[in-house]
């Protein structure tokens, strides 16, 4: 049963590439250990802190950042970390 649930979890965000903006402190060298990053990956997303053409969602604490502006101008989803 655990393996079935784990496989189902992986499908929830499968195909999503998440870019984070102002979620982690500037200079954080280990964003991959943050609970939001780990949870997103647990549910099947690929996470990054770099803009690239494969990004589908930007998770941001505030509007007006370069990453958010890029996302809005290119039709990506912008969501709050509570999403």
PDB file of N, CA and C in Angstrom:
ATOM      1  N   UNK A   1       0.811  -1.179   0.000  1.00  0.00           N
ATOM      2  CA  UNK A   1       0.000   0.000   0.000  1.00  0.00           C
ATOM      3  C   UNK A   1       0.870   1.266   0.000  1.00  0.00           C
ATOM      4  N   UNK A   2       1.970   1.248   0.770  1.00  0.00           N
ATOM      5  CA  UNK A   2       2.847   2.430   0.806  1.00  0.00           C
ATOM      6  C   UNK A   2       3.417   2.752  -0.558  1.00  0.00           C
ATOM      7  N   UNK A   3       3.823   1.737  -1.287  1.00  0.00           N
ATOM      8  CA  UNK A   3       4.411   1.979  -2.610  1.00  0.00           C
ATOM      9  C   UNK A   3       3.356   2.509  -3.584  1.00  0.00           C
ATOM     10  N   UNK A   4       2.137   2.074  -3.453  1.00  0.00           N
ATOM     11  CA  UNK A   4       1.055   2.578  -4.302  1.00  0.00           C
ATOM     12  C   UNK A   4       0.793   4.047  -3.999  1.00  0.00           C
ATOM     13  N   UNK A   5       0.736   4.395  -2.722  1.00  0.00           N
ATOM     14  CA  UNK A   5       0.519   5.792  -2.342  1.00  0.00           C
ATOM     15  C   UNK A   5       1.682   6.681  -2.776  1.00  0.00           C
ATOM     16  N   UNK A   6       2.893   6.188  -2.641  1.00  0.00           N
ATOM     17  CA  UNK A   6       4.068   6.960  -3.062  1.00  0.00           C
ATOM     18  C   UNK A   6       4.027   7.204  -4.565  1.00  0.00           C
ATOM     19  N   UNK A   7       3.643   6.207  -5.319  1.00  0.00           N
ATOM     20  CA  UNK A   7       3.550   6.362  -6.778  1.00  0.00           C
ATOM     21  C   UNK A   7       2.458   7.359  -7.143  1.00  0.00           C
ATOM     22  N   UNK A   8       1.353   7.327  -6.441  1.00  0.00           N
ATOM     23  CA  UNK A   8       0.264   8.284  -6.690  1.00  0.00           C
ATOM     24  C   UNK A   8       0.696   9.702  -6.338  1.00  0.00           C
ATOM     25  N   UNK A   9       1.436   9.856  -5.242  1.00  0.00           N
ATOM     26  CA  UNK A   9       1.946  11.177  -4.854  1.00  0.00           C
ATOM     27  C   UNK A   9       2.809  11.762  -5.962  1.00  0.00           C
ATOM     28  N   UNK A  10       3.664  10.943  -6.541  1.00  0.00           N
ATOM     29  CA  UNK A  10       4.588  11.403  -7.577  1.00  0.00           C
ATOM     30  C   UNK A  10       3.865  11.941  -8.808  1.00  0.00           C
ATOM     31  N   UNK A  11       2.632  11.535  -9.003  1.00  0.00           N
ATOM     32  CA  UNK A  11       1.886  11.976 -10.180  1.00  0.00           C
ATOM     33  C   UNK A  11       1.213  13.335  -9.989  1.00  0.00           C
ATOM     34  N   UNK A  12       1.065  13.770  -8.761  1.00  0.00           N
ATOM     35  CA  UNK A  12       0.322  15.007  -8.492  1.00  0.00           C
ATOM     36  C   UNK A  12       0.971  16.211  -9.171  1.00  0.00           C
ATOM     37  N   UNK A  13       2.264  16.375  -9.031  1.00  0.00           N
ATOM     38  CA  UNK A  13       2.966  17.500  -9.649  1.00  0.00           C
ATOM     39  C   UNK A  13       3.895  17.061 -10.783  1.00  0.00           C
ATOM     40  N   UNK A  14       3.682  15.854 -11.282  1.00  0.00           N
ATOM     41  CA  UNK A  14       4.508  15.372 -12.396  1.00  0.00           C
ATOM     42  C   UNK A  14       4.373  16.333 -13.567  1.00  0.00           C
ATOM     43  N   UNK A  15       5.482  16.658 -14.184  1.00  0.00           N
ATOM     44  CA  UNK A  15       5.475  17.586 -15.305  1.00  0.00           C
ATOM     45  C   UNK A  15       5.643  19.038 -14.904  1.00  0.00           C
ATOM     46  N   UNK A  16       5.619  19.314 -13.607  1.00  0.00           N
ATOM     47  CA  UNK A  16       5.816  20.680 -13.125  1.00  0.00           C
ATOM     48  C   UNK A  16       7.300  20.919 -12.852  1.00  0.00           C
ATOM     49  N   UNK A  17       7.779  22.054 -13.297  1.00  0.00           N
ATOM     50  CA  UNK A  17       9.136  22.499 -12.964  1.00  0.00           C
ATOM     51  C   UNK A  17       8.947  23.804 -12.212  1.00  0.00           C
ATOM     52  N   UNK A  18       9.286  23.795 -10.939  1.00  0.00           N
ATOM     53  CA  UNK A  18       8.998  24.910 -10.038  1.00  0.00           C
ATOM     54  C   UNK A  18      10.236  25.746  -9.788  1.00  0.00           C
ATOM     55  N   UNK A  19      10.075  27.043  -9.993  1.00  0.00           N
ATOM     56  CA  UNK A  19      11.108  28.032  -9.730  1.00  0.00           C
ATOM     57  C   UNK A  19      10.702  28.799  -8.478  1.00  0.00           C
ATOM     58  N   UNK A  20      11.594  28.950  -7.534  1.00  0.00           N
ATOM     59  CA  UNK A  20      11.301  29.658  -6.290  1.00  0.00           C
ATOM     60  C   UNK A  20      11.853  31.073  -6.335  1.00  0.00           C
ATOM     61  N   UNK A  21      11.080  32.021  -5.799  1.00  0.00           N
ATOM     62  CA  UNK A  21      11.502  33.417  -5.738  1.00  0.00           C
ATOM     63  C   UNK A  21      11.196  33.980  -4.360  1.00  0.00           C
ATOM     64  N   UNK A  22      12.236  34.425  -3.676  1.00  0.00           N
ATOM     65  CA  UNK A  22      12.129  34.995  -2.333  1.00  0.00           C
ATOM     66  C   UNK A  22      11.456  34.059  -1.334  1.00  0.00           C
ATOM     67  N   UNK A  23      11.675  32.790  -1.528  1.00  0.00           N
ATOM     68  CA  UNK A  23      11.158  31.791  -0.588  1.00  0.00           C
ATOM     69  C   UNK A  23      12.260  31.402   0.388  1.00  0.00           C
ATOM     70  N   UNK A  24      13.495  31.376  -0.105  1.00  0.00           N
ATOM     71  CA  UNK A  24      14.654  31.012   0.707  1.00  0.00           C
ATOM     72  C   UNK A  24      15.499  32.259   0.939  1.00  0.00           C
ATOM     73  N   UNK A  25      16.228  32.314   2.035  1.00  0.00           N
ATOM     74  CA  UNK A  25      17.105  33.462   2.284  1.00  0.00           C
ATOM     75  C   UNK A  25      18.152  33.618   1.172  1.00  0.00           C
ATOM     76  N   UNK A  26      18.482  34.865   0.840  1.00  0.00           N
ATOM     77  CA  UNK A  26      19.511  35.141  -0.168  1.00  0.00           C
ATOM     78  C   UNK A  26      20.816  34.493   0.283  1.00  0.00           C
ATOM     79  N   UNK A  27      21.458  33.819  -0.630  1.00  0.00           N
ATOM     80  CA  UNK A  27      22.722  33.161  -0.321  1.00  0.00           C
ATOM     81  C   UNK A  27      22.574  31.769   0.263  1.00  0.00           C
ATOM     82  N   UNK A  28      21.340  31.295   0.406  1.00  0.00           N
ATOM     83  CA  UNK A  28      21.118  29.941   0.928  1.00  0.00           C
ATOM     84  C   UNK A  28      21.782  28.950  -0.026  1.00  0.00           C
ATOM     85  N   UNK A  29      22.724  28.189   0.484  1.00  0.00           N
ATOM     86  CA  UNK A  29      23.460  27.247  -0.362  1.00  0.00           C
ATOM     87  C   UNK A  29      22.802  25.870  -0.427  1.00  0.00           C
ATOM     88  N   UNK A  30      21.750  25.674   0.366  1.00  0.00           N
ATOM     89  CA  UNK A  30      21.088  24.365   0.380  1.00  0.00           C
ATOM     90  C   UNK A  30      19.566  24.506   0.311  1.00  0.00           C
ATOM     91  N   UNK A  31      19.045  25.145  -0.734  1.00  0.00           N
ATOM     92  CA  UNK A  31      17.584  25.297  -0.799  1.00  0.00           C
ATOM     93  C   UNK A  31      16.869  23.955  -0.926  1.00  0.00           C
ATOM     94  N   UNK A  32      17.579  22.955  -1.430  1.00  0.00           N
ATOM     95  CA  UNK A  32      16.971  21.633  -1.616  1.00  0.00           C
ATOM     96  C   UNK A  32      16.614  20.943  -0.302  1.00  0.00           C
ATOM     97  N   UNK A  33      17.060  21.464   0.828  1.00  0.00           N
ATOM     98  CA  UNK A  33      16.689  20.862   2.115  1.00  0.00           C
ATOM     99  C   UNK A  33      15.488  21.582   2.748  1.00  0.00           C
ATOM    100  N   UNK A  34      15.022  22.659   2.118  1.00  0.00           N
ATOM    101  CA  UNK A  34      13.862  23.397   2.625  1.00  0.00           C
ATOM    102  C   UNK A  34      12.614  22.522   2.475  1.00  0.00           C
ATOM    103  N   UNK A  35      11.712  22.539   3.457  1.00  0.00           N
ATOM    104  CA  UNK A  35      10.514  21.694   3.387  1.00  0.00           C
ATOM    105  C   UNK A  35       9.658  21.908   2.135  1.00  0.00           C
ATOM    106  N   UNK A  36       9.550  23.147   1.630  1.00  0.00           N
ATOM    107  CA  UNK A  36       8.744  23.366   0.422  1.00  0.00           C
ATOM    108  C   UNK A  36       9.365  22.679  -0.787  1.00  0.00           C
ATOM    109  N   UNK A  37      10.662  22.777  -0.916  1.00  0.00           N
ATOM    110  CA  UNK A  37      11.381  22.127  -2.024  1.00  0.00           C
ATOM    111  C   UNK A  37      11.183  20.619  -1.934  1.00  0.00           C
ATOM    112  N   UNK A  38      11.400  20.071  -0.739  1.00  0.00           N
ATOM    113  CA  UNK A  38      11.288  18.622  -0.559  1.00  0.00           C
ATOM    114  C   UNK A  38       9.862  18.129  -0.792  1.00  0.00           C
ATOM    115  N   UNK A  39       8.887  18.886  -0.333  1.00  0.00           N
ATOM    116  CA  UNK A  39       7.495  18.485  -0.529  1.00  0.00           C
ATOM    117  C   UNK A  39       7.140  18.493  -2.014  1.00  0.00           C
ATOM    118  N   UNK A  40       7.559  19.541  -2.719  1.00  0.00           N
ATOM    119  CA  UNK A  40       7.280  19.605  -4.159  1.00  0.00           C
ATOM    120  C   UNK A  40       7.881  18.407  -4.879  1.00  0.00           C
ATOM    121  N   UNK A  41       9.110  18.062  -4.537  1.00  0.00           N
ATOM    122  CA  UNK A  41       9.746  16.901  -5.173  1.00  0.00           C
ATOM    123  C   UNK A  41       9.065  15.594  -4.774  1.00  0.00           C
ATOM    124  N   UNK A  42       8.610  15.517  -3.547  1.00  0.00           N
ATOM    125  CA  UNK A  42       7.893  14.323  -3.086  1.00  0.00           C
ATOM    126  C   UNK A  42       6.635  14.096  -3.921  1.00  0.00           C
ATOM    127  N   UNK A  43       6.023  15.201  -4.370  1.00  0.00           N
ATOM    128  CA  UNK A  43       4.808  15.103  -5.171  1.00  0.00           C
ATOM    129  C   UNK A  43       5.089  15.103  -6.673  1.00  0.00           C
ATOM    130  N   UNK A  44       6.363  14.960  -7.050  1.00  0.00           N
ATOM    131  CA  UNK A  44       6.701  14.735  -8.443  1.00  0.00           C
ATOM    132  C   UNK A  44       7.244  15.917  -9.225  1.00  0.00           C
ATOM    133  N   UNK A  45       7.364  17.087  -8.607  1.00  0.00           N
ATOM    134  CA  UNK A  45       7.888  18.254  -9.311  1.00  0.00           C
ATOM    135  C   UNK A  45       9.411  18.204  -9.393  1.00  0.00           C
ATOM    136  N   UNK A  46       9.936  18.954 -10.335  1.00  0.00           N
ATOM    137  CA  UNK A  46      11.367  19.224 -10.408  1.00  0.00           C
ATOM    138  C   UNK A  46      11.530  20.669  -9.964  1.00  0.00           C
ATOM    139  N   UNK A  47      12.443  20.933  -9.050  1.00  0.00           N
ATOM    140  CA  UNK A  47      12.611  22.274  -8.488  1.00  0.00           C
ATOM    141  C   UNK A  47      13.915  22.906  -8.939  1.00  0.00           C
ATOM    142  N   UNK A  48      13.890  24.241  -9.019  1.00  0.00           N
ATOM    143  CA  UNK A  48      15.066  24.982  -9.435  1.00  0.00           C
ATOM    144  C   UNK A  48      15.014  26.396  -8.862  1.00  0.00           C
ATOM    145  N   UNK A  49      16.154  27.060  -8.861  1.00  0.00           N
ATOM    146  CA  UNK A  49      16.218  28.472  -8.499  1.00  0.00           C
ATOM    147  C   UNK A  49      16.636  29.320  -9.693  1.00  0.00           C
ATOM    148  N   UNK A  50      16.742  28.688 -10.868  1.00  0.00           N
ATOM    149  CA  UNK A  50      17.197  29.373 -12.071  1.00  0.00           C
ATOM    150  C   UNK A  50      16.092  29.418 -13.125  1.00  0.00           C
ATOM    151  N   UNK A  51      15.951  30.576 -13.765  1.00  0.00           N
ATOM    152  CA  UNK A  51      14.991  30.712 -14.860  1.00  0.00           C
ATOM    153  C   UNK A  51      15.475  29.868 -16.038  1.00  0.00           C
ATOM    154  N   UNK A  52      14.547  29.095 -16.593  1.00  0.00           N
ATOM    155  CA  UNK A  52      14.809  28.415 -17.862  1.00  0.00           C
ATOM    156  C   UNK A  52      13.475  28.147 -18.540  1.00  0.00           C
ATOM    157  N   UNK A  53      13.523  27.792 -19.797  1.00  0.00           N
ATOM    158  CA  UNK A  53      12.305  27.638 -20.601  1.00  0.00           C
ATOM    159  C   UNK A  53      11.416  26.486 -20.145  1.00  0.00           C
ATOM    160  N   UNK A  54      11.930  25.603 -19.314  1.00  0.00           N
ATOM    161  CA  UNK A  54      11.135  24.455 -18.859  1.00  0.00           C
ATOM    162  C   UNK A  54      10.317  24.758 -17.612  1.00  0.00           C
ATOM    163  N   UNK A  55      10.534  25.912 -16.967  1.00  0.00           N
ATOM    164  CA  UNK A  55       9.788  26.277 -15.756  1.00  0.00           C
ATOM    165  C   UNK A  55       8.305  26.414 -16.093  1.00  0.00           C
ATOM    166  N   UNK A  56       7.459  25.815 -15.257  1.00  0.00           N
ATOM    167  CA  UNK A  56       6.011  25.901 -15.450  1.00  0.00           C
ATOM    168  C   UNK A  56       5.342  26.762 -14.391  1.00  0.00           C
ATOM    169  N   UNK A  57       5.934  26.827 -13.188  1.00  0.00           N
ATOM    170  CA  UNK A  57       5.364  27.557 -12.058  1.00  0.00           C
ATOM    171  C   UNK A  57       6.454  28.339 -11.335  1.00  0.00           C
ATOM    172  N   UNK A  58       6.105  29.522 -10.850  1.00  0.00           N
ATOM    173  CA  UNK A  58       6.994  30.272  -9.975  1.00  0.00           C
ATOM    174  C   UNK A  58       6.295  30.384  -8.624  1.00  0.00           C
ATOM    175  N   UNK A  59       6.959  29.942  -7.578  1.00  0.00           N
ATOM    176  CA  UNK A  59       6.455  30.056  -6.221  1.00  0.00           C
ATOM    177  C   UNK A  59       7.169  31.253  -5.599  1.00  0.00           C
ATOM    178  N   UNK A  60       6.394  32.276  -5.231  1.00  0.00           N
ATOM    179  CA  UNK A  60       6.999  33.529  -4.783  1.00  0.00           C
ATOM    180  C   UNK A  60       6.293  34.086  -3.557  1.00  0.00           C
ATOM    181  N   UNK A  61       7.083  34.662  -2.669  1.00  0.00           N
ATOM    182  CA  UNK A  61       6.528  35.328  -1.494  1.00  0.00           C
ATOM    183  C   UNK A  61       6.030  36.739  -1.793  1.00  0.00           C
ATOM    184  N   UNK A  62       6.530  37.323  -2.886  1.00  0.00           N
ATOM    185  CA  UNK A  62       6.107  38.677  -3.215  1.00  0.00           C
ATOM    186  C   UNK A  62       6.111  38.883  -4.722  1.00  0.00           C
ATOM    187  N   UNK A  63       5.251  39.786  -5.164  1.00  0.00           N
ATOM    188  CA  UNK A  63       5.188  40.132  -6.577  1.00  0.00           C
ATOM    189  C   UNK A  63       6.272  41.151  -6.900  1.00  0.00           C
ATOM    190  N   UNK A  64       6.541  41.329  -8.166  1.00  0.00           N
ATOM    191  CA  UNK A  64       7.478  42.352  -8.581  1.00  0.00           C
ATOM    192  C   UNK A  64       8.922  41.907  -8.678  1.00  0.00           C
ATOM    193  N   UNK A  65       9.221  40.658  -8.380  1.00  0.00           N
ATOM    194  CA  UNK A  65      10.599  40.186  -8.521  1.00  0.00           C
ATOM    195  C   UNK A  65      10.872  39.909  -9.999  1.00  0.00           C
ATOM    196  N   UNK A  66      12.125  39.825 -10.355  1.00  0.00           N
ATOM    197  CA  UNK A  66      12.491  39.518 -11.743  1.00  0.00           C
ATOM    198  C   UNK A  66      11.893  38.185 -12.183  1.00  0.00           C
ATOM    199  N   UNK A  67      11.920  37.214 -11.291  1.00  0.00           N
ATOM    200  CA  UNK A  67      11.394  35.889 -11.631  1.00  0.00           C
ATOM    201  C   UNK A  67       9.882  35.931 -11.838  1.00  0.00           C
ATOM    202  N   UNK A  68       9.181  36.651 -10.986  1.00  0.00           N
ATOM    203  CA  UNK A  68       7.724  36.769 -11.129  1.00  0.00           C
ATOM    204  C   UNK A  68       7.385  37.529 -12.409  1.00  0.00           C
ATOM    205  N   UNK A  69       8.080  38.631 -12.648  1.00  0.00           N
ATOM    206  CA  UNK A  69       7.827  39.406 -13.865  1.00  0.00           C
ATOM    207  C   UNK A  69       8.087  38.566 -15.111  1.00  0.00           C
ATOM    208  N   UNK A  70       9.169  37.772 -15.093  1.00  0.00           N
ATOM    209  CA  UNK A  70       9.456  36.879 -16.209  1.00  0.00           C
ATOM    210  C   UNK A  70       8.314  35.881 -16.391  1.00  0.00           C
ATOM    211  N   UNK A  71       7.861  35.285 -15.285  1.00  0.00           N
ATOM    212  CA  UNK A  71       6.788  34.288 -15.359  1.00  0.00           C
ATOM    213  C   UNK A  71       5.516  34.885 -15.949  1.00  0.00           C
ATOM    214  N   UNK A  72       5.139  36.043 -15.472  1.00  0.00           N
ATOM    215  CA  UNK A  72       3.920  36.676 -15.971  1.00  0.00           C
ATOM    216  C   UNK A  72       4.037  37.059 -17.443  1.00  0.00           C
ATOM    217  N   UNK A  73       5.216  37.487 -17.852  1.00  0.00           N
ATOM    218  CA  UNK A  73       5.382  37.897 -19.241  1.00  0.00           C
ATOM    219  C   UNK A  73       5.457  36.714 -20.208  1.00  0.00           C
ATOM    220  N   UNK A  74       5.694  35.528 -19.667  1.00  0.00           N
ATOM    221  CA  UNK A  74       5.816  34.341 -20.522  1.00  0.00           C
ATOM    222  C   UNK A  74       4.683  33.336 -20.301  1.00  0.00           C
ATOM    223  N   UNK A  75       3.677  33.720 -19.532  1.00  0.00           N
ATOM    224  CA  UNK A  75       2.505  32.866 -19.361  1.00  0.00           C
ATOM    225  C   UNK A  75       2.651  31.724 -18.372  1.00  0.00           C
ATOM    226  N   UNK A  76       3.627  31.825 -17.472  1.00  0.00           N
ATOM    227  CA  UNK A  76       3.773  30.789 -16.455  1.00  0.00           C
ATOM    228  C   UNK A  76       2.820  31.087 -15.291  1.00  0.00           C
ATOM    229  N   UNK A  77       2.567  30.071 -14.488  1.00  0.00           N
ATOM    230  CA  UNK A  77       1.753  30.238 -13.287  1.00  0.00           C
ATOM    231  C   UNK A  77       2.623  30.849 -12.186  1.00  0.00           C
ATOM    232  N   UNK A  78       2.044  31.782 -11.447  1.00  0.00           N
ATOM    233  CA  UNK A  78       2.703  32.368 -10.279  1.00  0.00           C
ATOM    234  C   UNK A  78       1.823  32.072  -9.078  1.00  0.00           C
ATOM    235  N   UNK A  79       2.392  31.437  -8.075  1.00  0.00           N
ATOM    236  CA  UNK A  79       1.618  31.056  -6.891  1.00  0.00           C
ATOM    237  C   UNK A  79       2.380  31.420  -5.628  1.00  0.00           C
ATOM    238  N   UNK A  80       1.655  31.556  -4.533  1.00  0.00           N
ATOM    239  CA  UNK A  80       2.223  31.832  -3.213  1.00  0.00           C
ATOM    240  C   UNK A  80       2.686  30.509  -2.602  1.00  0.00           C
ATOM    241  N   UNK A  81       3.672  30.531  -1.716  1.00  0.00           N
ATOM    242  CA  UNK A  81       4.138  29.283  -1.084  1.00  0.00           C
ATOM    243  C   UNK A  81       3.026  28.485  -0.401  1.00  0.00           C
ATOM    244  N   UNK A  82       1.962  29.114   0.013  1.00  0.00           N
ATOM    245  CA  UNK A  82       0.849  28.410   0.636  1.00  0.00           C
ATOM    246  C   UNK A  82       0.057  27.544  -0.334  1.00  0.00           C
ATOM    247  N   UNK A  83       0.306  27.746  -1.631  1.00  0.00           N
ATOM    248  CA  UNK A  83      -0.369  26.985  -2.658  1.00  0.00           C
ATOM    249  C   UNK A  83      -0.055  25.533  -2.473  1.00  0.00           C
TER     250      UNK A  83
END
